[in-house]
Protein backbone atom coordinates (compact mmCIF):
# COMPACT_ATOMS: atom_id res chain seq x y z
CA UNK A 1 85.91 123.19 154.94
CA UNK A 2 82.59 122.19 157.15
CA UNK A 3 79.67 124.35 157.51
CA UNK A 4 80.37 123.96 161.60
CA UNK A 5 83.76 125.41 160.74
CA UNK A 6 82.46 128.25 159.26
CA UNK A 7 79.74 128.88 161.56
CA UNK A 8 82.37 129.06 164.27
CA UNK A 9 84.81 131.49 162.42
CA UNK A 10 81.83 133.97 161.86
CA UNK A 11 80.98 133.72 165.73
CA UNK A 12 84.23 134.56 166.35
CA UNK A 13 84.67 137.41 164.17
CA UNK A 14 81.40 138.79 164.89
CA UNK A 15 82.50 138.51 168.72
CA UNK A 16 85.69 140.23 168.35
CA UNK A 17 83.51 143.11 166.15
CA UNK A 18 81.10 143.57 169.19
CA UNK A 19 83.90 143.70 171.46
CA UNK A 20 85.70 146.29 169.27
CA UNK A 21 82.52 148.37 168.87
CA UNK A 22 82.06 148.13 172.66
CA UNK A 23 85.39 149.96 173.17
CA UNK A 24 85.38 152.42 170.04
CA UNK A 25 82.09 153.85 170.82
CA UNK A 26 83.59 156.10 173.99
CA UNK A 27 86.39 157.04 171.93
CA UNK A 28 84.26 158.12 169.07
CA UNK A 29 82.24 160.22 171.05
CA UNK A 30 85.19 161.66 172.82
CA UNK A 31 86.46 162.74 169.71
CA UNK A 32 83.12 164.27 168.53
CA UNK A 33 81.37 165.85 171.29
CA UNK A 34 83.49 168.67 172.34
CA UNK A 35 83.04 170.02 168.82
CA UNK A 36 79.40 169.25 168.65
CA UNK A 37 76.98 172.47 169.24
CA UNK A 38 74.48 170.25 170.86
CA UNK A 39 76.43 167.72 172.54
CA UNK A 40 74.75 164.70 174.35
CA UNK A 41 75.41 161.67 175.86
CA UNK A 42 74.47 159.54 172.41
CA UNK A 43 76.73 159.21 169.46
CA UNK A 44 75.89 161.43 166.50
CA UNK A 45 77.48 163.32 163.81
CA UNK A 46 78.39 166.50 165.52
CA UNK A 47 77.05 169.79 164.66
CA UNK A 48 80.70 171.43 164.22
CA UNK A 49 81.52 174.37 166.51
CA UNK A 50 84.43 175.61 168.62
CA UNK A 51 82.33 177.39 171.17
CA UNK A 52 82.68 174.48 173.56
CA UNK A 53 86.53 175.10 173.63
CA UNK A 54 86.12 178.55 174.59
CA UNK A 55 83.65 177.91 177.26
CA UNK A 56 85.86 175.38 178.77
CA UNK A 57 88.77 177.55 178.70
CA UNK A 58 86.85 180.07 180.79
CA UNK A 59 86.33 177.79 183.43
CA UNK A 60 88.48 179.54 186.36
CA UNK A 61 90.02 176.09 187.47
CA UNK A 62 90.08 173.95 184.03
CA UNK A 63 93.65 175.00 183.08
CA UNK A 64 94.92 175.04 186.74
CA UNK A 65 93.67 171.61 187.62
CA UNK A 66 95.57 170.21 184.43
CA UNK A 67 98.87 171.97 185.87
CA UNK A 68 98.15 170.52 189.11
CA UNK A 69 98.10 167.27 187.40
CA UNK A 70 100.97 167.45 185.49
CA UNK A 71 102.78 168.42 188.87
CA UNK A 72 101.30 165.65 190.95
CA UNK A 73 102.06 163.02 188.45
CA UNK A 74 105.42 164.20 187.54
CA UNK A 75 106.76 164.04 190.86
CA UNK A 76 105.21 160.72 191.51
CA UNK A 77 106.40 159.13 188.36
CA UNK A 78 109.70 160.71 188.68
CA UNK A 79 110.25 159.24 192.80
CA UNK A 80 108.68 156.07 191.49
CA UNK A 81 110.78 155.16 188.70
CA UNK A 82 114.19 156.37 190.72
CA UNK A 83 113.30 154.40 193.80
CA UNK A 84 112.15 151.39 191.87
CA UNK A 85 115.03 151.49 189.81
CA UNK A 86 117.49 151.74 192.85
CA UNK A 87 115.58 149.02 195.15
CA UNK A 88 115.05 146.86 192.24
CA UNK A 89 118.67 146.79 191.55
CA UNK A 90 119.53 146.26 194.83
CA UNK A 91 117.50 143.14 195.34
CA UNK A 92 118.47 141.67 192.02
CA UNK A 93 122.20 142.19 192.78
CA UNK A 94 122.11 141.59 196.94
CA UNK A 95 121.90 137.95 198.15
CA UNK A 96 119.76 138.15 201.23
CA UNK A 97 118.04 135.55 203.15
CA UNK A 98 114.37 135.64 202.34
CA UNK A 99 114.83 138.13 199.31
CA UNK A 100 112.26 136.57 197.12
CA UNK A 101 109.84 136.29 199.96
CA UNK A 102 110.38 139.81 200.77
CA UNK A 103 109.53 140.83 197.09
CA UNK A 104 106.27 138.86 197.11
CA UNK A 105 105.30 140.19 200.45
CA UNK A 106 105.59 143.61 198.74
CA UNK A 107 103.43 142.90 195.97
CA UNK A 108 100.91 140.98 198.15
CA UNK A 109 100.67 144.04 200.48
CA UNK A 110 100.18 146.46 197.79
CA UNK A 111 97.10 144.55 196.47
CA UNK A 112 95.54 144.05 199.58
CA UNK A 113 96.22 146.72 201.76
CA UNK A 114 95.21 149.10 198.97
CA UNK A 115 94.68 153.09 199.10
CA UNK A 116 91.26 152.64 199.81
CA UNK A 117 91.77 150.34 202.89
CA UNK A 118 94.61 152.69 204.18
CA UNK A 119 93.08 156.04 203.82
CA UNK A 120 92.14 156.53 207.53
CA UNK A 121 95.67 155.97 208.70
CA UNK A 122 96.99 157.92 205.65
CA UNK A 123 94.92 160.95 206.34
CA UNK A 124 95.66 160.94 210.11
CA UNK A 125 99.37 160.48 209.02
CA UNK A 126 99.19 163.54 206.90
CA UNK A 127 96.98 165.74 209.09
CA UNK A 128 99.56 165.08 212.00
CA UNK A 129 102.48 165.77 209.56
CA UNK A 130 100.69 169.07 208.54
CA UNK A 131 100.67 168.13 205.16
CA UNK A 132 97.00 168.41 204.05
CA UNK A 133 96.76 170.40 200.92
CA UNK A 134 99.97 169.85 200.14
CA UNK A 135 100.64 168.64 196.58
CA UNK A 136 104.35 167.32 197.26
CA UNK A 137 103.14 165.29 200.35
CA UNK A 138 100.32 164.03 198.24
CA UNK A 139 102.15 163.09 195.21
CA UNK A 140 104.85 161.04 197.81
CA UNK A 141 101.96 158.96 199.30
CA UNK A 142 100.74 158.06 195.31
CA UNK A 143 104.30 157.32 194.79
CA UNK A 144 104.37 155.09 198.05
CA UNK A 145 101.29 153.40 197.02
CA UNK A 146 102.98 152.57 193.34
CA UNK A 147 106.72 151.50 194.67
CA UNK A 148 105.67 147.82 195.75
CA UNK A 149 104.47 146.84 192.02
CA UNK A 150 106.92 148.95 190.54
CA UNK A 151 109.77 147.07 192.20
CA UNK A 152 108.80 143.64 191.53
CA UNK A 153 107.89 144.27 187.78
CA UNK A 154 111.25 146.30 187.26
CA UNK A 155 113.41 143.50 189.19
CA UNK A 156 113.09 141.07 186.42
CA UNK A 157 114.95 143.60 183.99
CA UNK A 158 117.65 144.25 186.06
CA UNK A 159 117.95 140.24 186.62
CA UNK A 160 118.43 140.26 182.74
CA UNK A 161 121.63 142.74 182.78
CA UNK A 162 124.39 139.75 182.72
CA UNK A 163 126.56 140.38 185.38
CA UNK A 164 129.85 140.13 183.19
CA UNK A 165 129.02 143.76 181.89
CA UNK A 166 129.28 145.09 185.35
CA UNK A 167 132.67 143.30 185.95
CA UNK A 168 134.08 144.62 182.74
CA UNK A 169 132.94 147.89 183.81
CA UNK A 170 134.56 147.40 187.44
CA UNK A 171 137.74 146.24 185.55
CA UNK A 172 138.21 149.69 184.07
CA UNK A 173 137.66 151.59 187.15
CA UNK A 174 134.20 152.18 187.25
CA UNK A 175 132.43 152.95 190.56
CA UNK A 176 129.30 151.30 191.67
CA UNK A 177 127.47 154.60 190.56
CA UNK A 178 129.01 154.75 187.11
CA UNK A 179 128.15 150.88 186.55
CA UNK A 180 124.65 151.53 187.50
CA UNK A 181 124.09 154.55 185.31
CA UNK A 182 126.26 153.52 182.31
CA UNK A 183 125.89 149.79 182.28
CA UNK A 184 122.66 148.78 183.85
CA UNK A 185 120.09 151.46 183.24
CA UNK A 186 120.94 151.75 179.66
CA UNK A 187 120.32 148.03 179.15
CA UNK A 188 116.90 147.91 181.68
CA UNK A 189 115.67 151.15 179.53
CA UNK A 190 112.90 149.26 178.10
CA UNK A 191 111.84 148.25 181.47
CA UNK A 192 112.23 151.78 183.04
CA UNK A 193 110.20 153.29 180.19
CA UNK A 194 107.18 150.90 181.02
CA UNK A 195 107.31 151.92 184.76
CA UNK A 196 107.40 155.54 183.85
CA UNK A 197 104.16 155.21 181.78
CA UNK A 198 102.67 153.06 184.31
CA UNK A 199 103.22 155.22 186.94
CA UNK A 200 102.36 158.14 185.34
CA UNK A 201 99.19 156.63 184.27
CA UNK A 202 98.07 155.47 187.63
CA UNK A 203 98.53 158.80 189.16
CA UNK A 204 97.20 160.62 186.51
CA UNK A 205 93.97 158.95 187.17
CA UNK A 206 94.16 158.78 190.92
CA UNK A 207 91.06 160.33 192.25
CA UNK A 208 90.56 159.03 196.00
CA UNK A 209 93.97 160.41 197.46
CA UNK A 210 94.12 163.99 195.96
CA UNK A 211 90.12 164.28 196.81
CA UNK A 212 90.65 163.63 200.24
CA UNK A 213 94.15 165.10 200.91
CA UNK A 214 93.92 168.62 198.51
CA UNK A 215 90.98 170.29 200.35
CA UNK A 216 91.42 173.34 198.36
CA UNK A 217 90.15 173.85 194.71
CA UNK A 218 93.30 175.61 193.62
CA UNK A 219 95.35 172.67 194.70
CA UNK A 220 93.18 169.86 193.21
CA UNK A 221 94.04 167.99 190.13
CA UNK A 222 91.82 167.47 186.97
CA UNK A 223 90.35 164.05 188.04
CA UNK A 224 88.96 165.80 191.08
CA UNK A 225 87.83 168.88 189.15
CA UNK A 226 86.11 166.62 186.79
CA UNK A 227 83.49 165.58 189.20
CA UNK A 228 82.49 169.17 189.88
CA UNK A 229 81.52 170.08 186.56
CA UNK A 230 78.16 170.83 186.96
CA UNK A 231 75.46 173.29 185.19
CA UNK A 232 72.98 175.58 187.28
CA UNK A 233 70.64 172.50 187.67
CA UNK A 234 73.16 170.16 189.12
CA UNK A 235 73.38 168.15 186.24
CA UNK A 236 76.56 167.12 183.86
CA UNK A 237 77.93 170.04 182.28
CA UNK A 238 78.05 168.09 178.73
CA UNK A 239 79.45 171.60 177.18
CA UNK A 240 82.49 171.49 179.15
CA UNK A 241 83.01 167.96 180.32
CA UNK A 242 83.57 166.69 176.74
CA UNK A 243 86.23 169.51 175.75
CA UNK A 244 87.80 168.82 179.51
CA UNK A 245 87.81 164.90 179.08
CA UNK A 246 89.79 165.58 175.71
CA UNK A 247 92.43 167.68 177.37
CA UNK A 248 92.69 165.40 180.19
CA UNK A 249 93.73 162.59 177.74
CA UNK A 250 95.98 164.53 175.75
CA UNK A 251 99.38 163.76 178.22
CA UNK A 252 98.77 160.36 178.51
CA UNK A 253 98.48 159.37 174.94
CA UNK A 254 101.54 161.59 174.28
CA UNK A 255 103.37 160.25 176.73
CA UNK A 256 102.84 156.68 175.62
CA UNK A 257 103.17 157.52 171.93
CA UNK A 258 107.11 159.30 172.75
CA UNK A 259 108.06 156.47 175.50
CA UNK A 260 106.99 153.75 173.09
CA UNK A 261 108.74 155.04 169.71
CA UNK A 262 111.94 155.80 171.86
CA UNK A 263 112.22 152.93 174.05
CA UNK A 264 109.31 150.38 173.43
CA UNK A 265 107.73 148.48 175.84
CA UNK A 266 108.52 144.90 177.23
CA UNK A 267 107.15 143.04 180.17
CA UNK A 268 110.12 140.96 180.62
CA UNK A 269 113.88 141.23 180.22
CA UNK A 270 115.63 142.18 176.98
CA UNK A 271 118.97 140.29 177.55
CA UNK A 272 119.75 137.16 178.98
CA UNK A 273 123.12 135.97 180.53
């Protein structure tokens, strides 16, 4: 074993350790700062206390914003997952001219025309429809932005379901709806689980759309409320922000763990015909 090889291996593991440390520090701060009597921006051993939790729960909109986030993300996730599954199945099974081109155009437009670029026409449309300050309207806008990518991803899982499964079900008298519910969706459920978590995480962290479309603080989600958590001097309130951030991260982590344990995640189809 040469000295040069050892130096390369040492350099490689040193780089990996540095990257892991870079990502671990914010997580360690998030785990310790909520229970520190004197929280700061640096990482240190905390002076353990639960007073910060009480002060955070006393905030008039802390729990309300988390419930708003659950409502907003729940609707957006359900709409995205259901519509993406139906559209992906249709595009997978129906042979239409330009189908593949349509898929790539959907993905391209969803990447180029982002929510930021389309915000002015979206705001005007929502204003004319009277849906400003509507949580349901905002959830549908968020779902619409995620649908093209969700359809593109989920189509691969639909393609992996052998057509012989569907033909066998039809021989026994199953309707198209029964074939979809009892044959296709159970086989493609790893992909559906992936889309479900992906859509929830994207909707949960969406700041711009709720910030512009939900003007009343009572309807705003946690991602928007987080920017308003300041003390009397206008600085970031480090007593409330760490606890609120910890509470804000719990739903995403729980959803990932539950879905991952039950269904698992794969970014390719699980059955090949």
